[in-house]
Each structure stands twice: as structure tokens, then as C-alpha cells.
N, C-alpha and C. Protein backbone atom coordinates (compact mmCIF):
# COMPACT_ATOMS: atom_id res chain seq x y z
N MET A 1 8.40 -32.72 5.11
CA MET A 1 9.01 -31.69 5.93
C MET A 1 8.25 -30.38 5.73
N LYS A 2 7.93 -29.75 6.81
CA LYS A 2 7.17 -28.51 6.75
C LYS A 2 8.12 -27.34 6.45
N MET A 3 7.67 -26.48 5.53
CA MET A 3 8.48 -25.32 5.16
C MET A 3 8.46 -24.29 6.28
N PRO A 4 9.58 -23.63 6.54
CA PRO A 4 9.58 -22.58 7.56
C PRO A 4 8.79 -21.38 7.07
N PRO A 5 8.23 -20.60 7.98
CA PRO A 5 7.45 -19.44 7.55
C PRO A 5 8.32 -18.43 6.81
N SER A 6 7.71 -17.76 5.87
CA SER A 6 8.43 -16.77 5.07
C SER A 6 8.81 -15.58 5.94
N PRO A 7 10.03 -15.05 5.78
CA PRO A 7 10.40 -13.88 6.58
C PRO A 7 9.58 -12.65 6.20
N SER A 8 9.03 -12.65 4.99
CA SER A 8 8.22 -11.50 4.59
C SER A 8 6.86 -11.51 5.26
N ARG A 9 6.48 -12.63 5.87
CA ARG A 9 5.18 -12.73 6.53
C ARG A 9 5.08 -11.76 7.71
N LEU A 10 6.14 -11.67 8.50
CA LEU A 10 6.14 -10.74 9.63
C LEU A 10 6.12 -9.30 9.14
N VAL A 11 6.82 -9.03 8.05
CA VAL A 11 6.81 -7.68 7.49
C VAL A 11 5.42 -7.32 7.01
N ARG A 12 4.75 -8.26 6.33
CA ARG A 12 3.38 -8.00 5.86
C ARG A 12 2.45 -7.72 7.04
N ALA A 13 2.56 -8.52 8.10
CA ALA A 13 1.70 -8.34 9.26
C ALA A 13 1.96 -6.99 9.92
N TRP A 14 3.23 -6.63 10.04
CA TRP A 14 3.59 -5.35 10.67
C TRP A 14 3.05 -4.18 9.85
N VAL A 15 3.21 -4.24 8.54
CA VAL A 15 2.75 -3.14 7.68
C VAL A 15 1.23 -3.05 7.69
N LEU A 16 0.54 -4.18 7.58
CA LEU A 16 -0.92 -4.15 7.56
C LEU A 16 -1.48 -3.64 8.88
N GLY A 17 -1.03 -4.21 9.98
CA GLY A 17 -1.54 -3.78 11.29
C GLY A 17 -1.17 -2.35 11.62
N GLY A 18 0.10 -2.02 11.42
CA GLY A 18 0.57 -0.67 11.77
C GLY A 18 -0.04 0.43 10.93
N SER A 19 -0.12 0.20 9.61
CA SER A 19 -0.66 1.26 8.76
C SER A 19 -2.16 1.42 8.96
N SER A 20 -2.88 0.33 9.17
CA SER A 20 -4.33 0.44 9.37
C SER A 20 -4.66 1.13 10.69
N VAL A 21 -3.99 0.74 11.76
CA VAL A 21 -4.23 1.38 13.06
C VAL A 21 -3.75 2.83 13.01
N GLY A 22 -2.62 3.08 12.36
CA GLY A 22 -2.12 4.45 12.23
C GLY A 22 -3.08 5.34 11.47
N LEU A 23 -3.68 4.81 10.41
CA LEU A 23 -4.66 5.58 9.65
C LEU A 23 -5.88 5.92 10.50
N ALA A 24 -6.38 4.95 11.25
CA ALA A 24 -7.53 5.22 12.12
C ALA A 24 -7.17 6.22 13.21
N ALA A 25 -5.97 6.11 13.76
CA ALA A 25 -5.55 7.04 14.81
C ALA A 25 -5.43 8.46 14.28
N VAL A 26 -4.83 8.62 13.12
CA VAL A 26 -4.71 9.96 12.53
C VAL A 26 -6.09 10.53 12.23
N GLY A 27 -6.98 9.70 11.73
CA GLY A 27 -8.34 10.17 11.46
C GLY A 27 -9.05 10.63 12.72
N HIS A 28 -8.89 9.91 13.80
CA HIS A 28 -9.54 10.31 15.06
C HIS A 28 -8.89 11.55 15.65
N LEU A 29 -7.58 11.68 15.52
CA LEU A 29 -6.92 12.89 16.02
C LEU A 29 -7.31 14.11 15.20
N VAL A 30 -7.40 13.96 13.89
CA VAL A 30 -7.82 15.08 13.03
C VAL A 30 -9.27 15.45 13.33
N GLY A 31 -10.08 14.45 13.64
CA GLY A 31 -11.48 14.71 13.96
C GLY A 31 -11.69 15.30 15.34
N GLY A 32 -10.63 15.53 16.09
CA GLY A 32 -10.76 16.16 17.39
C GLY A 32 -10.81 15.19 18.55
N GLY A 33 -10.57 13.93 18.31
CA GLY A 33 -10.61 12.94 19.38
C GLY A 33 -9.28 12.83 20.10
N TYR A 34 -9.29 12.04 21.16
CA TYR A 34 -8.08 11.78 21.94
C TYR A 34 -7.86 10.28 21.95
N ILE A 35 -6.61 9.88 21.86
CA ILE A 35 -6.27 8.46 21.84
C ILE A 35 -5.23 8.21 22.92
N GLU A 36 -5.49 7.21 23.74
CA GLU A 36 -4.52 6.80 24.74
C GLU A 36 -3.33 6.13 24.04
N PRO A 37 -2.11 6.56 24.31
CA PRO A 37 -0.96 5.93 23.66
C PRO A 37 -0.84 4.44 23.96
N ALA A 38 -1.21 4.04 25.17
CA ALA A 38 -1.13 2.61 25.51
C ALA A 38 -2.11 1.79 24.67
N SER A 39 -3.32 2.31 24.47
CA SER A 39 -4.29 1.57 23.67
C SER A 39 -3.85 1.52 22.21
N LEU A 40 -3.20 2.56 21.74
CA LEU A 40 -2.69 2.58 20.37
C LEU A 40 -1.63 1.49 20.18
N GLY A 41 -0.71 1.39 21.11
CA GLY A 41 0.34 0.38 21.02
C GLY A 41 -0.20 -1.03 21.16
N LEU A 42 -1.09 -1.23 22.14
CA LEU A 42 -1.65 -2.57 22.34
C LEU A 42 -2.48 -3.01 21.15
N LEU A 43 -3.27 -2.10 20.58
CA LEU A 43 -4.09 -2.45 19.43
C LEU A 43 -3.21 -2.78 18.22
N THR A 44 -2.14 -2.03 18.03
CA THR A 44 -1.24 -2.30 16.91
C THR A 44 -0.59 -3.67 17.05
N VAL A 45 -0.08 -3.99 18.22
CA VAL A 45 0.56 -5.29 18.44
C VAL A 45 -0.46 -6.42 18.31
N ALA A 46 -1.66 -6.24 18.86
CA ALA A 46 -2.68 -7.29 18.78
C ALA A 46 -3.08 -7.56 17.33
N LEU A 47 -3.24 -6.50 16.55
CA LEU A 47 -3.64 -6.70 15.16
C LEU A 47 -2.49 -7.26 14.32
N MET A 48 -1.27 -6.91 14.66
CA MET A 48 -0.13 -7.50 13.95
C MET A 48 -0.07 -9.01 14.20
N LEU A 49 -0.27 -9.41 15.44
CA LEU A 49 -0.23 -10.83 15.76
C LEU A 49 -1.41 -11.57 15.14
N ALA A 50 -2.57 -10.93 15.11
CA ALA A 50 -3.74 -11.56 14.50
C ALA A 50 -3.57 -11.71 12.99
N SER A 51 -2.99 -10.71 12.36
CA SER A 51 -2.83 -10.78 10.90
C SER A 51 -1.64 -11.66 10.50
N TYR A 52 -0.76 -11.99 11.43
CA TYR A 52 0.40 -12.84 11.11
C TYR A 52 -0.04 -14.21 10.61
N GLY A 53 -1.04 -14.77 11.25
CA GLY A 53 -1.52 -16.08 10.82
C GLY A 53 -2.26 -16.05 9.50
N TRP A 54 -2.86 -14.92 9.17
CA TRP A 54 -3.64 -14.80 7.95
C TRP A 54 -2.76 -14.52 6.73
N LEU A 55 -1.61 -13.92 6.94
CA LEU A 55 -0.78 -13.47 5.83
C LEU A 55 0.31 -14.49 5.49
N ARG A 56 -0.09 -15.70 5.16
CA ARG A 56 0.88 -16.71 4.77
C ARG A 56 1.45 -16.43 3.38
N LYS A 57 0.70 -15.77 2.55
CA LYS A 57 1.12 -15.46 1.18
C LYS A 57 0.56 -14.10 0.81
N GLU A 58 0.95 -13.62 -0.36
CA GLU A 58 0.41 -12.35 -0.83
C GLU A 58 -1.08 -12.51 -1.06
N ARG A 59 -1.84 -11.52 -0.68
CA ARG A 59 -3.29 -11.55 -0.86
C ARG A 59 -3.68 -10.58 -1.96
N GLY A 60 -4.86 -10.78 -2.49
CA GLY A 60 -5.38 -9.92 -3.54
C GLY A 60 -5.94 -8.63 -2.96
N LEU A 61 -6.32 -7.74 -3.86
CA LEU A 61 -6.82 -6.43 -3.45
C LEU A 61 -8.11 -6.54 -2.65
N LEU A 62 -9.00 -7.43 -3.03
CA LEU A 62 -10.27 -7.57 -2.31
C LEU A 62 -10.05 -8.06 -0.88
N ALA A 63 -9.17 -9.02 -0.70
CA ALA A 63 -8.89 -9.54 0.65
C ALA A 63 -8.21 -8.48 1.51
N ILE A 64 -7.29 -7.73 0.92
CA ILE A 64 -6.61 -6.68 1.69
C ILE A 64 -7.59 -5.57 2.05
N THR A 65 -8.49 -5.22 1.12
CA THR A 65 -9.48 -4.19 1.41
C THR A 65 -10.39 -4.63 2.56
N GLY A 66 -10.81 -5.89 2.55
CA GLY A 66 -11.64 -6.40 3.64
C GLY A 66 -10.91 -6.38 4.97
N ALA A 67 -9.64 -6.77 4.95
CA ALA A 67 -8.85 -6.77 6.19
C ALA A 67 -8.67 -5.35 6.72
N VAL A 68 -8.35 -4.42 5.84
CA VAL A 68 -8.15 -3.03 6.27
C VAL A 68 -9.47 -2.45 6.78
N ALA A 69 -10.58 -2.75 6.11
CA ALA A 69 -11.88 -2.25 6.58
C ALA A 69 -12.22 -2.84 7.95
N GLY A 70 -11.94 -4.12 8.16
CA GLY A 70 -12.17 -4.72 9.47
C GLY A 70 -11.31 -4.09 10.56
N ILE A 71 -10.05 -3.85 10.23
CA ILE A 71 -9.16 -3.21 11.21
C ILE A 71 -9.61 -1.78 11.47
N GLN A 72 -10.10 -1.09 10.44
CA GLN A 72 -10.63 0.26 10.64
C GLN A 72 -11.82 0.23 11.60
N LEU A 73 -12.69 -0.75 11.43
CA LEU A 73 -13.86 -0.87 12.31
C LEU A 73 -13.44 -1.15 13.75
N LEU A 74 -12.53 -2.10 13.94
CA LEU A 74 -12.04 -2.41 15.29
C LEU A 74 -11.33 -1.21 15.91
N SER A 75 -10.52 -0.53 15.12
CA SER A 75 -9.81 0.65 15.63
C SER A 75 -10.78 1.76 15.99
N HIS A 76 -11.80 1.95 15.16
CA HIS A 76 -12.79 2.99 15.45
C HIS A 76 -13.51 2.70 16.76
N VAL A 77 -13.91 1.46 16.94
CA VAL A 77 -14.60 1.10 18.18
C VAL A 77 -13.67 1.27 19.38
N ALA A 78 -12.42 0.86 19.24
CA ALA A 78 -11.47 0.98 20.36
C ALA A 78 -11.15 2.44 20.67
N PHE A 79 -11.02 3.27 19.65
CA PHE A 79 -10.64 4.66 19.88
C PHE A 79 -11.81 5.53 20.31
N SER A 80 -13.04 5.12 20.01
CA SER A 80 -14.16 5.99 20.35
C SER A 80 -14.85 5.59 21.65
N VAL A 81 -14.24 4.71 22.43
CA VAL A 81 -14.78 4.40 23.75
C VAL A 81 -14.64 5.65 24.61
N GLY A 82 -15.73 6.09 25.17
CA GLY A 82 -15.71 7.30 25.99
C GLY A 82 -16.02 8.57 25.23
N HIS A 83 -16.06 8.51 23.90
CA HIS A 83 -16.45 9.69 23.13
C HIS A 83 -17.97 9.78 23.11
N THR A 84 -18.48 10.98 23.10
CA THR A 84 -19.93 11.15 23.16
C THR A 84 -20.53 11.51 21.81
N HIS A 85 -19.72 11.68 20.78
CA HIS A 85 -20.28 12.08 19.49
C HIS A 85 -20.98 10.89 18.84
N PRO A 86 -22.09 11.16 18.14
CA PRO A 86 -22.81 10.07 17.48
C PRO A 86 -22.09 9.66 16.18
N VAL A 87 -22.38 8.46 15.74
CA VAL A 87 -21.81 7.97 14.48
C VAL A 87 -22.56 8.63 13.33
N SER A 88 -21.82 9.21 12.40
CA SER A 88 -22.45 9.86 11.25
C SER A 88 -22.07 9.13 9.97
N THR A 89 -22.85 9.37 8.93
CA THR A 89 -22.55 8.72 7.66
C THR A 89 -21.25 9.26 7.05
N SER A 90 -20.94 10.51 7.32
CA SER A 90 -19.69 11.05 6.77
C SER A 90 -18.47 10.38 7.42
N MET A 91 -18.58 10.05 8.71
CA MET A 91 -17.48 9.36 9.38
C MET A 91 -17.32 7.95 8.81
N LEU A 92 -18.42 7.26 8.60
CA LEU A 92 -18.35 5.91 8.03
C LEU A 92 -17.82 5.95 6.59
N ALA A 93 -18.26 6.95 5.83
CA ALA A 93 -17.76 7.09 4.46
C ALA A 93 -16.26 7.41 4.45
N GLY A 94 -15.83 8.22 5.40
CA GLY A 94 -14.40 8.52 5.51
C GLY A 94 -13.58 7.29 5.83
N HIS A 95 -14.08 6.46 6.76
CA HIS A 95 -13.38 5.21 7.09
C HIS A 95 -13.35 4.27 5.88
N ALA A 96 -14.46 4.17 5.15
CA ALA A 96 -14.51 3.28 3.99
C ALA A 96 -13.57 3.75 2.89
N LEU A 97 -13.58 5.05 2.61
CA LEU A 97 -12.69 5.58 1.57
C LEU A 97 -11.22 5.41 1.97
N ALA A 98 -10.92 5.70 3.22
CA ALA A 98 -9.55 5.55 3.69
C ALA A 98 -9.11 4.09 3.61
N ALA A 99 -10.01 3.16 3.92
CA ALA A 99 -9.67 1.74 3.86
C ALA A 99 -9.38 1.31 2.42
N VAL A 100 -10.18 1.77 1.47
CA VAL A 100 -9.96 1.40 0.07
C VAL A 100 -8.64 1.97 -0.44
N VAL A 101 -8.39 3.25 -0.16
CA VAL A 101 -7.15 3.88 -0.62
C VAL A 101 -5.93 3.20 0.00
N LEU A 102 -5.98 2.93 1.29
CA LEU A 102 -4.86 2.26 1.96
C LEU A 102 -4.65 0.85 1.41
N ALA A 103 -5.74 0.13 1.14
CA ALA A 103 -5.60 -1.22 0.60
C ALA A 103 -4.95 -1.20 -0.78
N VAL A 104 -5.32 -0.23 -1.61
CA VAL A 104 -4.70 -0.12 -2.94
C VAL A 104 -3.21 0.17 -2.80
N PHE A 105 -2.85 1.10 -1.92
CA PHE A 105 -1.44 1.41 -1.70
C PHE A 105 -0.69 0.20 -1.14
N LEU A 106 -1.29 -0.52 -0.21
CA LEU A 106 -0.63 -1.69 0.36
C LEU A 106 -0.41 -2.77 -0.69
N ARG A 107 -1.41 -3.02 -1.51
CA ARG A 107 -1.30 -4.08 -2.53
C ARG A 107 -0.24 -3.74 -3.57
N TRP A 108 -0.33 -2.55 -4.15
CA TRP A 108 0.63 -2.17 -5.20
C TRP A 108 2.02 -1.99 -4.62
N GLY A 109 2.09 -1.37 -3.46
CA GLY A 109 3.40 -1.15 -2.85
C GLY A 109 4.08 -2.44 -2.45
N GLU A 110 3.30 -3.40 -1.93
CA GLU A 110 3.89 -4.67 -1.53
C GLU A 110 4.42 -5.42 -2.74
N ALA A 111 3.66 -5.44 -3.80
CA ALA A 111 4.10 -6.15 -5.00
C ALA A 111 5.39 -5.55 -5.55
N ARG A 112 5.46 -4.23 -5.59
CA ARG A 112 6.66 -3.58 -6.12
C ARG A 112 7.85 -3.75 -5.17
N ALA A 113 7.61 -3.59 -3.89
CA ALA A 113 8.71 -3.70 -2.93
C ALA A 113 9.31 -5.10 -2.92
N PHE A 114 8.46 -6.12 -2.94
CA PHE A 114 8.98 -7.48 -2.93
C PHE A 114 9.61 -7.86 -4.26
N ALA A 115 9.15 -7.28 -5.38
CA ALA A 115 9.81 -7.52 -6.67
C ALA A 115 11.22 -6.96 -6.66
N VAL A 116 11.38 -5.76 -6.11
CA VAL A 116 12.71 -5.15 -6.01
C VAL A 116 13.59 -5.99 -5.09
N ALA A 117 13.04 -6.42 -3.96
CA ALA A 117 13.82 -7.22 -3.02
C ALA A 117 14.24 -8.55 -3.65
N ARG A 118 13.35 -9.19 -4.41
CA ARG A 118 13.71 -10.44 -5.06
C ARG A 118 14.84 -10.24 -6.08
N ARG A 119 14.74 -9.15 -6.88
CA ARG A 119 15.79 -8.89 -7.87
C ARG A 119 17.13 -8.65 -7.20
N ARG A 120 17.13 -7.85 -6.14
CA ARG A 120 18.40 -7.57 -5.45
C ARG A 120 18.96 -8.84 -4.81
N TYR A 121 18.09 -9.64 -4.24
CA TYR A 121 18.56 -10.89 -3.63
C TYR A 121 19.16 -11.81 -4.70
N LEU A 122 18.49 -11.91 -5.85
CA LEU A 122 19.01 -12.79 -6.89
C LEU A 122 20.35 -12.31 -7.42
N ARG A 123 20.53 -11.00 -7.57
CA ARG A 123 21.82 -10.47 -8.00
C ARG A 123 22.90 -10.80 -6.97
N TRP A 124 22.57 -10.59 -5.70
CA TRP A 124 23.52 -10.87 -4.63
C TRP A 124 23.85 -12.36 -4.58
N ALA A 125 22.82 -13.20 -4.67
CA ALA A 125 23.04 -14.65 -4.61
C ALA A 125 23.86 -15.12 -5.80
N THR A 126 23.63 -14.56 -6.97
CA THR A 126 24.42 -14.93 -8.15
C THR A 126 25.88 -14.54 -7.96
N ALA A 127 26.11 -13.35 -7.45
CA ALA A 127 27.49 -12.90 -7.23
C ALA A 127 28.20 -13.78 -6.21
N VAL A 128 27.51 -14.15 -5.13
CA VAL A 128 28.12 -15.00 -4.10
C VAL A 128 28.42 -16.39 -4.67
N ARG A 129 27.48 -16.95 -5.40
CA ARG A 129 27.71 -18.29 -5.96
C ARG A 129 28.84 -18.28 -6.98
N CYS A 130 28.91 -17.23 -7.80
CA CYS A 130 30.01 -17.13 -8.76
C CYS A 130 31.34 -16.99 -8.04
N ALA A 131 31.36 -16.21 -6.97
CA ALA A 131 32.61 -16.03 -6.22
C ALA A 131 33.04 -17.34 -5.57
N LEU A 132 32.08 -18.10 -5.04
CA LEU A 132 32.42 -19.39 -4.42
C LEU A 132 32.89 -20.40 -5.45
N ALA A 133 32.38 -20.29 -6.67
CA ALA A 133 32.78 -21.22 -7.73
C ALA A 133 34.05 -20.77 -8.44
N GLY A 134 34.55 -19.59 -8.09
CA GLY A 134 35.76 -19.09 -8.72
C GLY A 134 35.52 -18.41 -10.05
N LEU A 135 34.27 -18.09 -10.34
CA LEU A 135 33.92 -17.41 -11.58
C LEU A 135 33.71 -15.93 -11.31
N SER A 136 33.83 -15.15 -12.35
CA SER A 136 33.49 -13.73 -12.16
C SER A 136 31.99 -13.58 -12.41
N PRO A 137 31.35 -12.68 -11.68
CA PRO A 137 29.92 -12.49 -11.91
C PRO A 137 29.68 -11.94 -13.31
N MET A 138 28.43 -12.00 -13.73
CA MET A 138 28.09 -11.52 -15.07
C MET A 138 28.50 -10.07 -15.23
N PRO A 139 29.09 -9.72 -16.35
CA PRO A 139 29.42 -8.31 -16.57
C PRO A 139 28.16 -7.48 -16.70
N HIS A 140 28.31 -6.18 -16.47
CA HIS A 140 27.13 -5.32 -16.47
C HIS A 140 26.47 -5.24 -17.83
N TRP A 141 27.20 -5.49 -18.91
CA TRP A 141 26.59 -5.39 -20.22
C TRP A 141 25.72 -6.60 -20.54
N CYS A 142 25.80 -7.68 -19.73
CA CYS A 142 24.97 -8.85 -19.97
C CYS A 142 23.58 -8.70 -19.37
N THR A 143 23.43 -7.82 -18.42
CA THR A 143 22.11 -7.69 -17.79
C THR A 143 21.15 -7.08 -18.80
N THR A 144 19.98 -7.62 -18.85
CA THR A 144 19.00 -7.16 -19.82
C THR A 144 17.97 -6.30 -19.12
N HIS A 145 17.75 -5.15 -19.64
CA HIS A 145 16.70 -4.30 -19.12
C HIS A 145 15.39 -4.72 -19.76
N ALA A 146 14.29 -4.47 -19.08
CA ALA A 146 12.99 -4.95 -19.55
C ALA A 146 12.65 -4.40 -20.92
N GLY A 147 12.91 -3.14 -21.17
CA GLY A 147 12.57 -2.55 -22.46
C GLY A 147 13.39 -3.14 -23.59
N VAL A 148 14.68 -3.35 -23.37
CA VAL A 148 15.54 -3.92 -24.41
C VAL A 148 15.12 -5.36 -24.69
N PHE A 149 14.83 -6.12 -23.64
CA PHE A 149 14.42 -7.51 -23.82
C PHE A 149 13.12 -7.56 -24.61
N HIS A 150 12.17 -6.69 -24.29
CA HIS A 150 10.90 -6.67 -25.01
C HIS A 150 11.13 -6.31 -26.47
N MET A 151 12.02 -5.35 -26.72
CA MET A 151 12.28 -4.92 -28.08
C MET A 151 12.92 -6.06 -28.88
N LEU A 152 13.84 -6.78 -28.27
CA LEU A 152 14.48 -7.89 -28.97
C LEU A 152 13.50 -9.03 -29.21
N ARG A 153 12.67 -9.30 -28.23
CA ARG A 153 11.74 -10.42 -28.34
C ARG A 153 10.63 -10.13 -29.34
N SER A 154 10.19 -8.86 -29.42
CA SER A 154 9.06 -8.54 -30.29
C SER A 154 9.47 -8.38 -31.75
N GLY A 155 10.74 -8.30 -32.04
CA GLY A 155 11.17 -8.18 -33.43
C GLY A 155 11.19 -6.76 -33.92
N THR A 156 11.14 -5.78 -33.03
CA THR A 156 11.13 -4.38 -33.44
C THR A 156 12.40 -4.04 -34.20
N ILE A 157 13.52 -4.51 -33.74
CA ILE A 157 14.78 -4.19 -34.42
C ILE A 157 14.79 -4.80 -35.81
N HIS A 158 14.30 -6.02 -35.94
CA HIS A 158 14.29 -6.68 -37.24
C HIS A 158 13.45 -5.88 -38.24
N ARG A 159 12.29 -5.41 -37.83
CA ARG A 159 11.44 -4.65 -38.75
C ARG A 159 12.08 -3.33 -39.12
N GLU A 160 12.77 -2.72 -38.20
CA GLU A 160 13.40 -1.43 -38.49
C GLU A 160 14.57 -1.59 -39.44
N LEU A 161 15.30 -2.69 -39.33
CA LEU A 161 16.49 -2.87 -40.16
C LEU A 161 16.18 -3.55 -41.48
N ASN A 162 15.01 -4.07 -41.63
CA ASN A 162 14.65 -4.76 -42.85
C ASN A 162 14.62 -3.77 -44.02
N GLY A 163 15.28 -4.08 -45.08
CA GLY A 163 15.30 -3.20 -46.25
C GLY A 163 16.44 -2.21 -46.26
N ARG A 164 17.22 -2.17 -45.21
CA ARG A 164 18.36 -1.26 -45.20
C ARG A 164 19.57 -1.99 -45.77
N GLY A 165 20.35 -1.28 -46.48
CA GLY A 165 21.55 -1.86 -47.07
C GLY A 165 22.02 -0.96 -48.20
N PRO A 166 23.02 -1.40 -48.91
CA PRO A 166 23.49 -0.56 -50.01
C PRO A 166 22.42 -0.47 -51.09
N PRO A 167 22.43 0.62 -51.81
CA PRO A 167 21.42 0.76 -52.87
C PRO A 167 21.61 -0.32 -53.94
N VAL A 168 20.51 -0.66 -54.53
CA VAL A 168 20.53 -1.67 -55.56
C VAL A 168 21.25 -1.10 -56.79
N ALA A 169 22.18 -1.85 -57.34
CA ALA A 169 22.91 -1.39 -58.52
C ALA A 169 22.02 -1.52 -59.75
N THR A 170 21.93 -0.47 -60.48
CA THR A 170 21.12 -0.49 -61.72
C THR A 170 22.04 -0.29 -62.91
N CYS A 171 21.77 -0.97 -63.96
CA CYS A 171 22.57 -0.81 -65.17
C CYS A 171 21.99 0.33 -66.00
N CYS A 172 22.87 1.07 -66.71
CA CYS A 172 22.43 2.19 -67.52
C CYS A 172 21.67 1.75 -68.70
């Protein structure tokens, strides 16, 4: 049986296509160019649909950087049709730097956002299952925070408490 596509796949495609095209559009507007709103919308939708098939799972930083750089190149070509200014190295360097920075933000932000979403979903799913089973959900004092769990696992408390106790009784 084939697994249904992940609901996060559409979100990934929307964020990748929209943010990359938006970055190129802002760059061209700041540079003094003009962008047709219809071409902006069509390019965003086309790139979202194109990236939907590619984003079956989370990708690494190198793959995301390549995708953003490719979208930057396509957006630049689409937005500069009819412009008479020549291509300069500073413009290419600006596109490359913007692509790298955006890819880093997309990679780190996606990992953090989906980690938060997974934790919230698991808490919600646990509460629903406990309610359906007639149990009360875990009390708030049972939840372990990452720092406390690390401290308990690493033995920090044991080392700190070792040697503490009443003073040794000495005979006169």
C-alpha cells in the first residue's frame, strides 16, 4: 500500500517557492526595477508546483541552497525581461549571498518549526488517547525538560551529592 503524501510537503513547497520568489522580487524592486504582479503570482505558483514533487522529505542545506539558487536564477531571468541594464558581478554576488542566507534560514527554521509541531501533536494525541481510554493525561510534573533529563542522565546530581551527609563522628 502506498503511503499518502505528507501534509508538510505542501507547506515546504509553498515556503520554498514563495520565499525564494519573494526575495528575488524585493531585490529587483530595491534595485529600481518593476515587476508585473501577474508574473509574480504565476512564477510563485509555478515554482511551488515544481518544488512539490521534489520535496518528499526534509532536504539538507546543500540541496536547499541549490534549489534556492536555481529559483533565484529563474526569478531573475523572469523579472528582468524588458530591462536594459547589463548583468553585473555585484548583482550576481547579491543573488548568491541572498540564496545562501535564505537557504540557511529555511533549513534551520524548518527543522525547528516541525520539531515544535511534532511535540505539540504528540502532546495532543496523548491527551486524546488518554481521554478515550478513560485515563487522565500525564500530570505536568511528569514532563521532562531537556536540561533536567540531560542532568539526570549524565550523573551531575550524583556527583554533586556524593560525600554529603552528616559529619563523621570522631572519638575524643
